[in-house]
C-alpha cells in the first residue's frame, strides 16, 4: 500500500520554471517519483510547495501581516 507523503495531482494553468539541483538530490527525487508514482517533476514540485504552504505556520503569519490573500492553502 502506497503511503507517500506527497501524491500525484495533475493540474493545468502552469508556468515554466528552471531550477538546478545537486546531483544526489535529483537522484533521490527520481527514486521518490518512481516509488510514489509521479509522472513529472512539475507535479512533484507543485505538491512539495503545496505541502510547505499548508504546513508553514510562520509563513501564514507573515502573509497575514502583509494582508496577502491565502490563495495557496488547502486547509
N, C-alpha and C. Protein backbone atom coordinates (compact mmCIF):
# COMPACT_ATOMS: atom_id res chain seq x y z
N UNK A 1 0.84 -1.18 0.00
CA UNK A 1 0.00 0.00 0.00
C UNK A 1 0.88 1.24 0.00
N UNK A 2 0.59 2.16 -0.89
CA UNK A 2 1.35 3.39 -1.03
C UNK A 2 1.00 4.35 0.10
N UNK A 3 2.01 4.80 0.83
CA UNK A 3 1.77 5.76 1.91
C UNK A 3 2.68 6.96 1.77
N UNK A 4 2.85 7.45 0.56
CA UNK A 4 3.72 8.59 0.30
C UNK A 4 3.14 9.86 0.93
N UNK A 5 4.01 10.71 1.43
CA UNK A 5 3.60 11.99 1.98
C UNK A 5 3.01 12.86 0.89
N UNK A 6 3.62 12.83 -0.29
CA UNK A 6 3.13 13.59 -1.45
C UNK A 6 2.51 12.61 -2.42
N UNK A 7 1.42 13.02 -3.06
CA UNK A 7 0.74 12.18 -4.02
C UNK A 7 0.51 12.96 -5.31
N UNK A 8 0.59 12.30 -6.45
CA UNK A 8 0.39 13.00 -7.73
C UNK A 8 -0.96 13.69 -7.78
N UNK A 9 -0.96 14.89 -8.34
CA UNK A 9 -2.17 15.68 -8.51
C UNK A 9 -2.00 16.48 -9.78
N UNK A 10 -2.68 16.10 -10.82
CA UNK A 10 -2.45 16.71 -12.12
C UNK A 10 -3.24 18.00 -12.24
N UNK A 11 -2.54 19.07 -12.57
CA UNK A 11 -3.17 20.39 -12.65
C UNK A 11 -2.89 21.02 -14.00
N UNK A 12 -3.59 22.10 -14.28
CA UNK A 12 -3.36 22.85 -15.51
C UNK A 12 -2.95 24.26 -15.12
N UNK A 13 -2.88 25.14 -16.12
CA UNK A 13 -2.56 26.55 -15.88
C UNK A 13 -1.19 26.70 -15.22
N UNK A 14 -0.16 26.20 -15.88
CA UNK A 14 1.18 26.19 -15.32
C UNK A 14 2.11 27.18 -16.02
N UNK A 15 3.19 27.55 -15.34
CA UNK A 15 4.24 28.39 -15.91
C UNK A 15 5.54 27.62 -15.89
N UNK A 16 6.45 27.94 -16.79
CA UNK A 16 7.74 27.28 -16.84
C UNK A 16 8.69 27.88 -15.82
N UNK A 17 9.41 27.01 -15.11
CA UNK A 17 10.40 27.42 -14.11
C UNK A 17 11.63 26.54 -14.31
N UNK A 18 12.80 27.15 -14.29
CA UNK A 18 14.04 26.39 -14.44
C UNK A 18 14.77 26.41 -13.10
N UNK A 19 15.20 25.22 -12.64
CA UNK A 19 15.93 25.12 -11.37
C UNK A 19 17.17 24.25 -11.57
N UNK A 20 18.07 24.35 -10.61
CA UNK A 20 19.25 23.48 -10.56
C UNK A 20 19.24 22.78 -9.21
N UNK A 21 19.58 21.47 -9.23
CA UNK A 21 19.63 20.67 -8.02
C UNK A 21 20.97 19.97 -7.92
N UNK A 22 21.44 19.70 -6.70
CA UNK A 22 22.60 18.82 -6.57
C UNK A 22 22.25 17.45 -7.15
N UNK A 23 23.23 16.80 -7.75
CA UNK A 23 23.01 15.52 -8.41
C UNK A 23 22.37 14.50 -7.47
N UNK A 24 22.84 14.42 -6.23
CA UNK A 24 22.29 13.42 -5.31
C UNK A 24 20.82 13.72 -4.99
N UNK A 25 20.43 14.99 -4.93
CA UNK A 25 19.03 15.33 -4.69
C UNK A 25 18.17 14.93 -5.90
N UNK A 26 18.72 15.13 -7.09
CA UNK A 26 17.99 14.75 -8.30
C UNK A 26 17.78 13.23 -8.34
N UNK A 27 18.79 12.48 -7.97
CA UNK A 27 18.67 11.02 -7.94
C UNK A 27 17.63 10.58 -6.91
N UNK A 28 17.63 11.22 -5.75
CA UNK A 28 16.65 10.90 -4.71
C UNK A 28 15.25 11.30 -5.17
N UNK A 29 15.13 12.43 -5.86
CA UNK A 29 13.85 12.87 -6.39
C UNK A 29 13.30 11.84 -7.37
N UNK A 30 14.15 11.35 -8.27
CA UNK A 30 13.72 10.35 -9.25
C UNK A 30 13.26 9.06 -8.54
N UNK A 31 13.98 8.66 -7.50
CA UNK A 31 13.59 7.47 -6.75
C UNK A 31 12.24 7.68 -6.07
N UNK A 32 12.03 8.86 -5.48
CA UNK A 32 10.75 9.17 -4.83
C UNK A 32 9.63 9.19 -5.85
N UNK A 33 9.88 9.78 -7.00
CA UNK A 33 8.87 9.85 -8.05
C UNK A 33 8.44 8.45 -8.49
N UNK A 34 9.40 7.56 -8.66
CA UNK A 34 9.08 6.20 -9.07
C UNK A 34 8.27 5.49 -7.98
N UNK A 35 8.68 5.65 -6.73
CA UNK A 35 8.00 5.00 -5.62
C UNK A 35 6.58 5.53 -5.43
N UNK A 36 6.41 6.85 -5.53
CA UNK A 36 5.10 7.47 -5.28
C UNK A 36 4.26 7.60 -6.55
N UNK A 37 4.80 7.13 -7.67
CA UNK A 37 4.09 7.11 -8.94
C UNK A 37 3.81 8.50 -9.52
N UNK A 38 4.77 9.41 -9.34
CA UNK A 38 4.70 10.71 -10.00
C UNK A 38 5.16 10.54 -11.44
N UNK A 39 4.49 11.20 -12.37
CA UNK A 39 4.87 11.12 -13.77
C UNK A 39 5.73 12.30 -14.21
N UNK A 40 5.74 13.38 -13.43
CA UNK A 40 6.53 14.55 -13.84
C UNK A 40 7.14 15.25 -12.64
N UNK A 41 8.29 15.86 -12.90
CA UNK A 41 8.93 16.66 -11.86
C UNK A 41 8.05 17.83 -11.47
N UNK A 42 7.35 18.40 -12.45
CA UNK A 42 6.48 19.55 -12.18
C UNK A 42 5.44 19.21 -11.13
N UNK A 43 4.83 18.05 -11.26
CA UNK A 43 3.81 17.66 -10.30
C UNK A 43 4.41 17.45 -8.91
N UNK A 44 5.57 16.84 -8.85
CA UNK A 44 6.24 16.65 -7.56
C UNK A 44 6.54 17.99 -6.90
N UNK A 45 7.10 18.93 -7.64
CA UNK A 45 7.42 20.24 -7.07
C UNK A 45 6.17 20.98 -6.63
N UNK A 46 5.10 20.88 -7.43
CA UNK A 46 3.86 21.55 -7.06
C UNK A 46 3.33 20.98 -5.75
N UNK A 47 3.36 19.66 -5.60
CA UNK A 47 2.89 19.03 -4.37
C UNK A 47 3.79 19.38 -3.19
N UNK A 48 5.09 19.42 -3.41
CA UNK A 48 6.02 19.79 -2.33
C UNK A 48 5.78 21.23 -1.88
N UNK A 49 5.58 22.13 -2.83
CA UNK A 49 5.29 23.52 -2.48
C UNK A 49 3.96 23.63 -1.75
N UNK A 50 2.96 22.91 -2.22
CA UNK A 50 1.66 22.95 -1.56
C UNK A 50 1.78 22.47 -0.12
N UNK A 51 2.59 21.43 0.10
CA UNK A 51 2.82 20.93 1.46
C UNK A 51 3.45 22.01 2.35
N UNK A 52 4.44 22.70 1.81
CA UNK A 52 5.07 23.79 2.57
C UNK A 52 4.07 24.89 2.87
N UNK A 53 3.31 25.31 1.85
CA UNK A 53 2.32 26.37 2.05
C UNK A 53 1.27 25.97 3.08
N UNK A 54 0.88 24.71 3.08
CA UNK A 54 -0.15 24.23 4.01
C UNK A 54 0.34 24.07 5.43
N UNK A 55 1.64 23.83 5.63
CA UNK A 55 2.12 23.49 6.97
C UNK A 55 3.00 24.55 7.62
N UNK A 56 3.47 25.53 6.88
CA UNK A 56 4.39 26.53 7.44
C UNK A 56 3.59 27.65 8.11
N UNK A 57 3.39 27.52 9.40
CA UNK A 57 2.59 28.49 10.15
C UNK A 57 3.26 29.87 10.19
N UNK A 58 4.56 29.88 10.21
CA UNK A 58 5.29 31.15 10.22
C UNK A 58 5.04 31.92 8.93
N UNK A 59 5.03 31.21 7.81
CA UNK A 59 4.74 31.86 6.53
C UNK A 59 3.30 32.38 6.49
N UNK A 60 2.37 31.62 7.05
CA UNK A 60 0.97 32.09 7.12
C UNK A 60 0.86 33.39 7.91
N UNK A 61 1.55 33.44 9.06
CA UNK A 61 1.54 34.67 9.86
C UNK A 61 2.14 35.82 9.07
N UNK A 62 3.22 35.55 8.35
CA UNK A 62 3.86 36.57 7.53
C UNK A 62 2.88 37.10 6.48
N UNK A 63 2.16 36.20 5.83
CA UNK A 63 1.17 36.63 4.83
C UNK A 63 0.08 37.47 5.47
N UNK A 64 -0.38 37.06 6.64
CA UNK A 64 -1.42 37.82 7.32
C UNK A 64 -0.93 39.21 7.70
N UNK A 65 0.31 39.31 8.12
CA UNK A 65 0.88 40.62 8.46
C UNK A 65 0.92 41.53 7.25
N UNK A 66 1.15 40.96 6.08
CA UNK A 66 1.20 41.74 4.85
C UNK A 66 -0.17 41.86 4.18
N UNK A 67 -1.18 41.28 4.82
CA UNK A 67 -2.54 41.25 4.28
C UNK A 67 -2.58 40.61 2.90
N UNK A 68 -1.80 39.54 2.72
CA UNK A 68 -1.79 38.81 1.47
C UNK A 68 -2.92 37.80 1.48
N UNK A 69 -3.57 37.58 0.36
CA UNK A 69 -4.63 36.56 0.32
C UNK A 69 -4.07 35.17 0.51
N UNK A 70 -4.82 34.31 1.16
CA UNK A 70 -4.40 32.94 1.43
C UNK A 70 -4.88 32.01 0.31
N UNK A 71 -4.45 32.28 -0.89
CA UNK A 71 -4.94 31.52 -2.03
C UNK A 71 -4.28 30.16 -2.17
N UNK A 72 -3.16 29.92 -1.50
CA UNK A 72 -2.43 28.67 -1.67
C UNK A 72 -2.84 27.57 -0.72
N UNK A 73 -3.63 27.89 0.28
CA UNK A 73 -3.90 26.91 1.33
C UNK A 73 -5.05 26.00 0.98
N UNK A 74 -4.86 24.72 1.21
CA UNK A 74 -5.93 23.75 1.03
C UNK A 74 -6.81 23.70 2.28
N UNK A 75 -6.16 23.81 3.43
CA UNK A 75 -6.92 23.67 4.69
C UNK A 75 -7.29 25.02 5.25
